[in-house]
Amino acid sequence: MDDEFIEIKPNKEKLNEGKNFHKNYRDMSFLFILGTYMLNILDANVSAHLMQFNIKDNLSIRPKFEPDLFGPDTHVGLKVLVKL
């Protein structure tokens, strides 16, 4: 019996190489999906935590420079006042 498809049949080494290639991509896809799912959970928790945070429209920041004239060296400091 003459089989015309015997020449295109891949050998075991090529089959194992293809199997390992797709197995690695399957594993990487699983890790990517798991990581995305974990980031989604983290984002939901942060959003739920910040939902109770009071944000007003009239927030203001006023920087104030105060020199330290009474120390041995003259220093200039910066104070930031956040008014709620």
PDB file of N, CA and C in Angstrom:
ATOM      1  N   MET A   1       0.843  -1.172   0.000  1.00  0.00           N
ATOM      2  CA  MET A   1       0.000   0.000   0.000  1.00  0.00           C
ATOM      3  C   MET A   1       0.895   1.244   0.000  1.00  0.00           C
ATOM      4  N   ASP A   2       0.575   2.171  -0.833  1.00  0.00           N
ATOM      5  CA  ASP A   2       1.389   3.367  -0.985  1.00  0.00           C
ATOM      6  C   ASP A   2       0.675   4.555  -0.326  1.00  0.00           C
ATOM      7  N   ASP A   3       1.321   5.144   0.714  1.00  0.00           N
ATOM      8  CA  ASP A   3       0.729   6.284   1.416  1.00  0.00           C
ATOM      9  C   ASP A   3       1.358   7.568   0.884  1.00  0.00           C
ATOM     10  N   GLU A   4       0.548   8.411   0.289  1.00  0.00           N
ATOM     11  CA  GLU A   4       1.082   9.636  -0.315  1.00  0.00           C
ATOM     12  C   GLU A   4       1.358  10.732   0.716  1.00  0.00           C
ATOM     13  N   PHE A   5       0.832  10.594   1.940  1.00  0.00           N
ATOM     14  CA  PHE A   5       1.004  11.624   2.963  1.00  0.00           C
ATOM     15  C   PHE A   5       2.120  11.297   3.950  1.00  0.00           C
ATOM     16  N   ILE A   6       2.880  10.257   3.752  1.00  0.00           N
ATOM     17  CA  ILE A   6       3.941   9.864   4.674  1.00  0.00           C
ATOM     18  C   ILE A   6       5.068  10.891   4.706  1.00  0.00           C
ATOM     19  N   GLU A   7       5.256  11.630   3.609  1.00  0.00           N
ATOM     20  CA  GLU A   7       6.344  12.603   3.552  1.00  0.00           C
ATOM     21  C   GLU A   7       6.042  13.875   4.340  1.00  0.00           C
ATOM     22  N   ILE A   8       4.775  14.209   4.516  1.00  0.00           N
ATOM     23  CA  ILE A   8       4.453  15.450   5.232  1.00  0.00           C
ATOM     24  C   ILE A   8       4.162  15.204   6.715  1.00  0.00           C
ATOM     25  N   LYS A   9       4.275  13.970   7.159  1.00  0.00           N
ATOM     26  CA  LYS A   9       4.055  13.663   8.574  1.00  0.00           C
ATOM     27  C   LYS A   9       5.255  14.170   9.372  1.00  0.00           C
ATOM     28  N   PRO A  10       5.004  15.060  10.382  1.00  0.00           N
ATOM     29  CA  PRO A  10       6.132  15.581  11.165  1.00  0.00           C
ATOM     30  C   PRO A  10       6.693  14.514  12.106  1.00  0.00           C
ATOM     31  N   ASN A  11       7.966  14.655  12.431  1.00  0.00           N
ATOM     32  CA  ASN A  11       8.576  13.694  13.342  1.00  0.00           C
ATOM     33  C   ASN A  11       8.253  14.076  14.789  1.00  0.00           C
ATOM     34  N   LYS A  12       8.610  13.206  15.738  1.00  0.00           N
ATOM     35  CA  LYS A  12       8.253  13.420  17.147  1.00  0.00           C
ATOM     36  C   LYS A  12       8.938  14.653  17.727  1.00  0.00           C
ATOM     37  N   GLU A  13      10.138  14.946  17.259  1.00  0.00           N
ATOM     38  CA  GLU A  13      10.859  16.110  17.794  1.00  0.00           C
ATOM     39  C   GLU A  13      10.119  17.403  17.458  1.00  0.00           C
ATOM     40  N   LYS A  14       9.636  17.526  16.238  1.00  0.00           N
ATOM     41  CA  LYS A  14       8.879  18.712  15.832  1.00  0.00           C
ATOM     42  C   LYS A  14       7.548  18.806  16.574  1.00  0.00           C
ATOM     43  N   LEU A  15       6.900  17.673  16.785  1.00  0.00           N
ATOM     44  CA  LEU A  15       5.641  17.680  17.525  1.00  0.00           C
ATOM     45  C   LEU A  15       5.844  18.117  18.970  1.00  0.00           C
ATOM     46  N   ASN A  16       6.903  17.616  19.626  1.00  0.00           N
ATOM     47  CA  ASN A  16       7.196  18.026  21.001  1.00  0.00           C
ATOM     48  C   ASN A  16       7.572  19.497  21.079  1.00  0.00           C
ATOM     49  N   GLU A  17       8.314  19.984  20.082  1.00  0.00           N
ATOM     50  CA  GLU A  17       8.687  21.395  20.056  1.00  0.00           C
ATOM     51  C   GLU A  17       7.448  22.283  19.936  1.00  0.00           C
ATOM     52  N   GLY A  18       6.524  21.897  19.067  1.00  0.00           N
ATOM     53  CA  GLY A  18       5.275  22.654  18.917  1.00  0.00           C
ATOM     54  C   GLY A  18       4.417  22.585  20.165  1.00  0.00           C
ATOM     55  N   LYS A  19       4.374  21.415  20.800  1.00  0.00           N
ATOM     56  CA  LYS A  19       3.590  21.256  22.029  1.00  0.00           C
ATOM     57  C   LYS A  19       4.142  22.164  23.133  1.00  0.00           C
ATOM     58  N   ASN A  20       5.463  22.191  23.295  1.00  0.00           N
ATOM     59  CA  ASN A  20       6.078  23.034  24.327  1.00  0.00           C
ATOM     60  C   ASN A  20       5.892  24.519  24.026  1.00  0.00           C
ATOM     61  N   PHE A  21       5.965  24.892  22.761  1.00  0.00           N
ATOM     62  CA  PHE A  21       5.753  26.283  22.369  1.00  0.00           C
ATOM     63  C   PHE A  21       4.365  26.752  22.786  1.00  0.00           C
ATOM     64  N   HIS A  22       3.349  25.990  22.463  1.00  0.00           N
ATOM     65  CA  HIS A  22       1.979  26.384  22.790  1.00  0.00           C
ATOM     66  C   HIS A  22       1.678  26.251  24.277  1.00  0.00           C
ATOM     67  N   LYS A  23       2.335  25.323  24.951  1.00  0.00           N
ATOM     68  CA  LYS A  23       2.151  25.194  26.396  1.00  0.00           C
ATOM     69  C   LYS A  23       2.695  26.426  27.116  1.00  0.00           C
ATOM     70  N   ASN A  24       3.856  26.935  26.656  1.00  0.00           N
ATOM     71  CA  ASN A  24       4.427  28.137  27.267  1.00  0.00           C
ATOM     72  C   ASN A  24       3.521  29.346  27.062  1.00  0.00           C
ATOM     73  N   TYR A  25       2.976  29.498  25.859  1.00  0.00           N
ATOM     74  CA  TYR A  25       2.076  30.622  25.617  1.00  0.00           C
ATOM     75  C   TYR A  25       0.765  30.472  26.378  1.00  0.00           C
ATOM     76  N   ARG A  26       0.305  29.253  26.579  1.00  0.00           N
ATOM     77  CA  ARG A  26      -0.891  29.035  27.390  1.00  0.00           C
ATOM     78  C   ARG A  26      -0.631  29.470  28.829  1.00  0.00           C
ATOM     79  N   ASP A  27       0.533  29.097  29.369  1.00  0.00           N
ATOM     80  CA  ASP A  27       0.876  29.463  30.735  1.00  0.00           C
ATOM     81  C   ASP A  27       1.041  30.977  30.885  1.00  0.00           C
ATOM     82  N   MET A  28       1.683  31.619  29.912  1.00  0.00           N
ATOM     83  CA  MET A  28       1.860  33.072  29.972  1.00  0.00           C
ATOM     84  C   MET A  28       0.513  33.790  29.869  1.00  0.00           C
ATOM     85  N   SER A  29      -0.392  33.271  29.055  1.00  0.00           N
ATOM     86  CA  SER A  29      -1.729  33.865  28.946  1.00  0.00           C
ATOM     87  C   SER A  29      -2.474  33.743  30.264  1.00  0.00           C
ATOM     88  N   PHE A  30      -2.345  32.594  30.916  1.00  0.00           N
ATOM     89  CA  PHE A  30      -2.997  32.405  32.213  1.00  0.00           C
ATOM     90  C   PHE A  30      -2.454  33.393  33.238  1.00  0.00           C
ATOM     91  N   LEU A  31      -1.147  33.578  33.278  1.00  0.00           N
ATOM     92  CA  LEU A  31      -0.556  34.523  34.225  1.00  0.00           C
ATOM     93  C   LEU A  31      -0.982  35.957  33.924  1.00  0.00           C
ATOM     94  N   PHE A  32      -1.074  36.311  32.652  1.00  0.00           N
ATOM     95  CA  PHE A  32      -1.516  37.647  32.274  1.00  0.00           C
ATOM     96  C   PHE A  32      -2.964  37.884  32.695  1.00  0.00           C
ATOM     97  N   ILE A  33      -3.822  36.908  32.467  1.00  0.00           N
ATOM     98  CA  ILE A  33      -5.229  37.044  32.861  1.00  0.00           C
ATOM     99  C   ILE A  33      -5.351  37.121  34.377  1.00  0.00           C
ATOM    100  N   LEU A  34      -4.594  36.311  35.094  1.00  0.00           N
ATOM    101  CA  LEU A  34      -4.616  36.341  36.560  1.00  0.00           C
ATOM    102  C   LEU A  34      -4.115  37.691  37.081  1.00  0.00           C
ATOM    103  N   GLY A  35      -3.035  38.211  36.500  1.00  0.00           N
ATOM    104  CA  GLY A  35      -2.522  39.508  36.915  1.00  0.00           C
ATOM    105  C   GLY A  35      -3.509  40.626  36.650  1.00  0.00           C
ATOM    106  N   THR A  36      -4.171  40.583  35.504  1.00  0.00           N
ATOM    107  CA  THR A  36      -5.185  41.591  35.189  1.00  0.00           C
ATOM    108  C   THR A  36      -6.355  41.512  36.158  1.00  0.00           C
ATOM    109  N   TYR A  37      -6.755  40.315  36.506  1.00  0.00           N
ATOM    110  CA  TYR A  37      -7.847  40.125  37.457  1.00  0.00           C
ATOM    111  C   TYR A  37      -7.459  40.668  38.841  1.00  0.00           C
ATOM    112  N   MET A  38      -6.229  40.405  39.273  1.00  0.00           N
ATOM    113  CA  MET A  38      -5.774  40.905  40.574  1.00  0.00           C
ATOM    114  C   MET A  38      -5.711  42.437  40.584  1.00  0.00           C
ATOM    115  N   LEU A  39      -5.251  43.042  39.484  1.00  0.00           N
ATOM    116  CA  LEU A  39      -5.234  44.510  39.407  1.00  0.00           C
ATOM    117  C   LEU A  39      -6.650  45.079  39.434  1.00  0.00           C
ATOM    118  N   ASN A  40      -7.598  44.378  38.837  1.00  0.00           N
ATOM    119  CA  ASN A  40      -8.984  44.812  38.870  1.00  0.00           C
ATOM    120  C   ASN A  40      -9.528  44.783  40.298  1.00  0.00           C
ATOM    121  N   ILE A  41      -9.198  43.748  41.041  1.00  0.00           N
ATOM    122  CA  ILE A  41      -9.625  43.657  42.444  1.00  0.00           C
ATOM    123  C   ILE A  41      -8.990  44.776  43.262  1.00  0.00           C
ATOM    124  N   LEU A  42      -7.700  45.030  43.044  1.00  0.00           N
ATOM    125  CA  LEU A  42      -7.017  46.097  43.764  1.00  0.00           C
ATOM    126  C   LEU A  42      -7.636  47.451  43.451  1.00  0.00           C
ATOM    127  N   ASP A  43      -7.946  47.701  42.192  1.00  0.00           N
ATOM    128  CA  ASP A  43      -8.557  48.960  41.792  1.00  0.00           C
ATOM    129  C   ASP A  43      -9.935  49.125  42.425  1.00  0.00           C
ATOM    130  N   ALA A  44     -10.715  48.058  42.488  1.00  0.00           N
ATOM    131  CA  ALA A  44     -12.036  48.121  43.106  1.00  0.00           C
ATOM    132  C   ALA A  44     -11.925  48.417  44.597  1.00  0.00           C
ATOM    133  N   ASN A  45     -10.945  47.817  45.283  1.00  0.00           N
ATOM    134  CA  ASN A  45     -10.768  48.076  46.706  1.00  0.00           C
ATOM    135  C   ASN A  45     -10.335  49.508  46.966  1.00  0.00           C
ATOM    136  N   VAL A  46      -9.433  50.034  46.148  1.00  0.00           N
ATOM    137  CA  VAL A  46      -8.994  51.417  46.329  1.00  0.00           C
ATOM    138  C   VAL A  46     -10.146  52.374  46.061  1.00  0.00           C
ATOM    139  N   SER A  47     -10.917  52.113  45.014  1.00  0.00           N
ATOM    140  CA  SER A  47     -12.061  52.976  44.709  1.00  0.00           C
ATOM    141  C   SER A  47     -13.097  52.931  45.829  1.00  0.00           C
ATOM    142  N   ALA A  48     -13.342  51.769  46.379  1.00  0.00           N
ATOM    143  CA  ALA A  48     -14.302  51.651  47.476  1.00  0.00           C
ATOM    144  C   ALA A  48     -13.780  52.353  48.730  1.00  0.00           C
ATOM    145  N   HIS A  49     -12.481  52.281  48.958  1.00  0.00           N
ATOM    146  CA  HIS A  49     -11.900  52.944  50.128  1.00  0.00           C
ATOM    147  C   HIS A  49     -11.973  54.461  49.983  1.00  0.00           C
ATOM    148  N   LEU A  50     -11.727  54.970  48.781  1.00  0.00           N
ATOM    149  CA  LEU A  50     -11.724  56.417  48.565  1.00  0.00           C
ATOM    150  C   LEU A  50     -13.115  56.992  48.364  1.00  0.00           C
ATOM    151  N   MET A  51     -14.137  56.144  48.302  1.00  0.00           N
ATOM    152  CA  MET A  51     -15.493  56.645  48.109  1.00  0.00           C
ATOM    153  C   MET A  51     -15.936  57.507  49.288  1.00  0.00           C
ATOM    154  N   GLN A  52     -15.463  57.199  50.487  1.00  0.00           N
ATOM    155  CA  GLN A  52     -15.844  57.949  51.676  1.00  0.00           C
ATOM    156  C   GLN A  52     -14.951  59.166  51.910  1.00  0.00           C
ATOM    157  N   PHE A  53     -13.932  59.351  51.080  1.00  0.00           N
ATOM    158  CA  PHE A  53     -13.022  60.485  51.233  1.00  0.00           C
ATOM    159  C   PHE A  53     -13.736  61.748  50.796  1.00  0.00           C
ATOM    160  N   ASN A  54     -13.716  62.778  51.645  1.00  0.00           N
ATOM    161  CA  ASN A  54     -14.440  64.010  51.378  1.00  0.00           C
ATOM    162  C   ASN A  54     -13.597  64.914  50.480  1.00  0.00           C
ATOM    163  N   ILE A  55     -14.091  65.166  49.296  1.00  0.00           N
ATOM    164  CA  ILE A  55     -13.410  66.067  48.371  1.00  0.00           C
ATOM    165  C   ILE A  55     -14.297  67.277  48.151  1.00  0.00           C
ATOM    166  N   LYS A  56     -13.784  68.438  48.505  1.00  0.00           N
ATOM    167  CA  LYS A  56     -14.537  69.682  48.315  1.00  0.00           C
ATOM    168  C   LYS A  56     -13.990  70.416  47.104  1.00  0.00           C
ATOM    169  N   ASP A  57     -14.810  71.267  46.541  1.00  0.00           N
ATOM    170  CA  ASP A  57     -14.396  72.033  45.376  1.00  0.00           C
ATOM    171  C   ASP A  57     -13.445  73.175  45.724  1.00  0.00           C
ATOM    172  N   ASN A  58     -13.433  73.617  46.966  1.00  0.00           N
ATOM    173  CA  ASN A  58     -12.631  74.786  47.334  1.00  0.00           C
ATOM    174  C   ASN A  58     -11.326  74.402  48.046  1.00  0.00           C
ATOM    175  N   LEU A  59     -10.644  73.395  47.554  1.00  0.00           N
ATOM    176  CA  LEU A  59      -9.334  73.049  48.093  1.00  0.00           C
ATOM    177  C   LEU A  59      -8.317  74.081  47.619  1.00  0.00           C
ATOM    178  N   SER A  60      -7.427  74.474  48.500  1.00  0.00           N
ATOM    179  CA  SER A  60      -6.401  75.432  48.098  1.00  0.00           C
ATOM    180  C   SER A  60      -5.093  75.094  48.800  1.00  0.00           C
ATOM    181  N   ILE A  61      -4.007  75.453  48.144  1.00  0.00           N
ATOM    182  CA  ILE A  61      -2.668  75.256  48.695  1.00  0.00           C
ATOM    183  C   ILE A  61      -1.980  76.611  48.689  1.00  0.00           C
ATOM    184  N   ARG A  62      -1.450  76.997  49.855  1.00  0.00           N
ATOM    185  CA  ARG A  62      -0.731  78.264  49.957  1.00  0.00           C
ATOM    186  C   ARG A  62       0.684  77.997  50.475  1.00  0.00           C
ATOM    187  N   PRO A  63       1.685  78.076  49.615  1.00  0.00           N
ATOM    188  CA  PRO A  63       3.056  77.922  50.118  1.00  0.00           C
ATOM    189  C   PRO A  63       3.492  79.172  50.863  1.00  0.00           C
ATOM    190  N   LYS A  64       4.278  78.975  51.910  1.00  0.00           N
ATOM    191  CA  LYS A  64       4.733  80.101  52.723  1.00  0.00           C
ATOM    192  C   LYS A  64       6.211  79.883  53.041  1.00  0.00           C
ATOM    193  N   PHE A  65       7.039  80.830  52.652  1.00  0.00           N
ATOM    194  CA  PHE A  65       8.469  80.755  52.927  1.00  0.00           C
ATOM    195  C   PHE A  65       8.749  81.453  54.245  1.00  0.00           C
ATOM    196  N   GLU A  66       9.446  80.783  55.151  1.00  0.00           N
ATOM    197  CA  GLU A  66       9.793  81.360  56.450  1.00  0.00           C
ATOM    198  C   GLU A  66      11.279  81.180  56.685  1.00  0.00           C
ATOM    199  N   PRO A  67      12.026  82.269  56.775  1.00  0.00           N
ATOM    200  CA  PRO A  67      13.453  82.143  57.082  1.00  0.00           C
ATOM    201  C   PRO A  67      13.659  81.855  58.564  1.00  0.00           C
ATOM    202  N   ASP A  68      14.666  81.076  58.877  1.00  0.00           N
ATOM    203  CA  ASP A  68      15.029  80.771  60.258  1.00  0.00           C
ATOM    204  C   ASP A  68      16.169  81.714  60.635  1.00  0.00           C
ATOM    205  N   LEU A  69      15.812  82.829  61.257  1.00  0.00           N
ATOM    206  CA  LEU A  69      16.803  83.863  61.546  1.00  0.00           C
ATOM    207  C   LEU A  69      17.475  83.678  62.901  1.00  0.00           C
ATOM    208  N   PHE A  70      16.973  82.785  63.729  1.00  0.00           N
ATOM    209  CA  PHE A  70      17.489  82.679  65.080  1.00  0.00           C
ATOM    210  C   PHE A  70      18.460  81.525  65.265  1.00  0.00           C
ATOM    211  N   GLY A  71      18.686  80.732  64.259  1.00  0.00           N
ATOM    212  CA  GLY A  71      19.611  79.615  64.362  1.00  0.00           C
ATOM    213  C   GLY A  71      21.035  80.066  64.069  1.00  0.00           C
ATOM    214  N   PRO A  72      22.018  79.175  64.256  1.00  0.00           N
ATOM    215  CA  PRO A  72      23.405  79.534  63.970  1.00  0.00           C
ATOM    216  C   PRO A  72      23.635  79.791  62.479  1.00  0.00           C
ATOM    217  N   ASP A  73      22.936  79.084  61.653  1.00  0.00           N
ATOM    218  CA  ASP A  73      22.996  79.315  60.207  1.00  0.00           C
ATOM    219  C   ASP A  73      21.624  79.786  59.753  1.00  0.00           C
ATOM    220  N   THR A  74      21.619  80.573  58.734  1.00  0.00           N
ATOM    221  CA  THR A  74      20.347  81.044  58.204  1.00  0.00           C
ATOM    222  C   THR A  74      19.817  80.014  57.209  1.00  0.00           C
ATOM    223  N   HIS A  75      18.646  79.492  57.479  1.00  0.00           N
ATOM    224  CA  HIS A  75      17.990  78.508  56.610  1.00  0.00           C
ATOM    225  C   HIS A  75      16.655  79.072  56.157  1.00  0.00           C
ATOM    226  N   VAL A  76      16.234  78.643  55.009  1.00  0.00           N
ATOM    227  CA  VAL A  76      14.914  79.013  54.515  1.00  0.00           C
ATOM    228  C   VAL A  76      14.108  77.736  54.396  1.00  0.00           C
ATOM    229  N   GLY A  77      12.943  77.735  55.030  1.00  0.00           N
ATOM    230  CA  GLY A  77      12.074  76.563  54.988  1.00  0.00           C
ATOM    231  C   GLY A  77      10.834  76.846  54.163  1.00  0.00           C
ATOM    232  N   LEU A  78      10.111  75.825  53.891  1.00  0.00           N
ATOM    233  CA  LEU A  78       8.889  75.947  53.112  1.00  0.00           C
ATOM    234  C   LEU A  78       7.782  75.224  53.851  1.00  0.00           C
ATOM    235  N   LYS A  79       6.697  75.944  54.106  1.00  0.00           N
ATOM    236  CA  LYS A  79       5.509  75.335  54.705  1.00  0.00           C
ATOM    237  C   LYS A  79       4.424  75.308  53.652  1.00  0.00           C
ATOM    238  N   VAL A  80       3.700  74.228  53.615  1.00  0.00           N
ATOM    239  CA  VAL A  80       2.574  74.116  52.690  1.00  0.00           C
ATOM    240  C   VAL A  80       1.325  73.897  53.530  1.00  0.00           C
ATOM    241  N   LEU A  81       0.359  74.785  53.368  1.00  0.00           N
ATOM    242  CA  LEU A  81      -0.898  74.705  54.096  1.00  0.00           C
ATOM    243  C   LEU A  81      -1.980  74.292  53.126  1.00  0.00           C
ATOM    244  N   VAL A  82      -2.636  73.191  53.448  1.00  0.00           N
ATOM    245  CA  VAL A  82      -3.755  72.732  52.633  1.00  0.00           C
ATOM    246  C   VAL A  82      -5.024  73.078  53.394  1.00  0.00           C
ATOM    247  N   LYS A  83      -5.818  73.948  52.801  1.00  0.00           N
ATOM    248  CA  LYS A  83      -7.024  74.408  53.457  1.00  0.00           C
ATOM    249  C   LYS A  83      -8.216  73.633  52.899  1.00  0.00           C
ATOM    250  N   LEU A  84      -8.956  72.979  53.785  1.00  0.00           N
ATOM    251  CA  LEU A  84     -10.124  72.197  53.360  1.00  0.00           C
ATOM    252  C   LEU A  84     -11.385  72.986  53.532  1.00  0.00           C
TER     253      LEU A  84
END
